[in-house]
């Protein structure tokens, strides 16, 4: 018993192409913005005191 595809091969390629285009553009952009946000969050000025406290305890 073999499995029959739910949608045709052409439709599968259209879905793949659309998902690939989304991943190449918006997903990459959102990951870049998230990464920059995390870096800026950890380097914000109010965090400096909390970063010095563990260093003084050694």
Protein backbone atom coordinates (compact mmCIF):
# COMPACT_ATOMS: atom_id res chain seq x y z
CA UNK A 1 0.00 0.00 0.00
CA UNK A 2 1.61 3.23 -1.13
CA UNK A 3 0.78 6.71 0.10
CA UNK A 4 -0.68 9.08 -2.46
CA UNK A 5 0.32 12.75 -2.20
CA UNK A 6 -2.41 15.00 -0.85
CA UNK A 7 -1.63 17.77 -3.34
CA UNK A 8 0.02 17.66 -6.73
CA UNK A 9 3.73 18.15 -7.30
CA UNK A 10 3.23 21.57 -8.90
CA UNK A 11 1.30 22.80 -5.87
CA UNK A 12 3.98 21.41 -3.57
CA UNK A 13 6.65 23.34 -5.47
CA UNK A 14 4.58 26.54 -5.22
CA UNK A 15 4.26 26.09 -1.46
CA UNK A 16 7.97 25.32 -1.18
CA UNK A 17 8.86 28.39 -3.25
CA UNK A 18 6.64 30.65 -1.16
CA UNK A 19 8.06 29.32 2.11
CA UNK A 20 11.61 29.60 0.79
CA UNK A 21 11.06 33.21 -0.25
CA UNK A 22 9.60 34.01 3.19
CA UNK A 23 12.56 32.37 4.94
CA UNK A 24 15.05 34.22 2.76
CA UNK A 25 13.54 37.63 3.48
CA UNK A 26 11.32 38.14 6.52
CA UNK A 27 12.61 35.36 8.73
CA UNK A 28 16.20 36.50 8.21
CA UNK A 29 15.23 40.09 8.93
CA UNK A 30 13.35 39.15 12.10
CA UNK A 31 16.25 37.02 13.40
CA UNK A 32 18.67 39.88 12.76
CA UNK A 33 16.47 42.39 14.59
CA UNK A 34 16.05 39.96 17.50
CA UNK A 35 19.82 39.40 17.75
CA UNK A 36 20.56 43.14 17.74
CA UNK A 37 17.86 43.66 20.38
CA UNK A 38 19.37 41.01 22.67
CA UNK A 39 22.85 42.52 22.31
CA UNK A 40 21.58 46.03 23.06
CA UNK A 41 19.53 44.74 26.01
CA UNK A 42 22.56 43.12 27.64
CA UNK A 43 24.76 46.18 27.09
CA UNK A 44 22.31 48.79 28.38
CA UNK A 45 23.74 51.26 30.95
CA UNK A 46 21.51 50.17 33.87
CA UNK A 47 22.94 46.66 33.67
CA UNK A 48 26.48 47.79 34.51
CA UNK A 49 25.99 47.67 38.30
CA UNK A 50 24.56 44.16 38.16
CA UNK A 51 27.53 43.05 36.07
CA UNK A 52 30.05 44.49 38.56
CA UNK A 53 28.54 42.81 41.64
CA UNK A 54 29.61 39.22 40.83
CA UNK A 55 33.07 40.46 39.82
CA UNK A 56 33.56 42.07 43.26
CA UNK A 57 32.54 38.90 45.08
CA UNK A 58 35.56 37.00 43.78
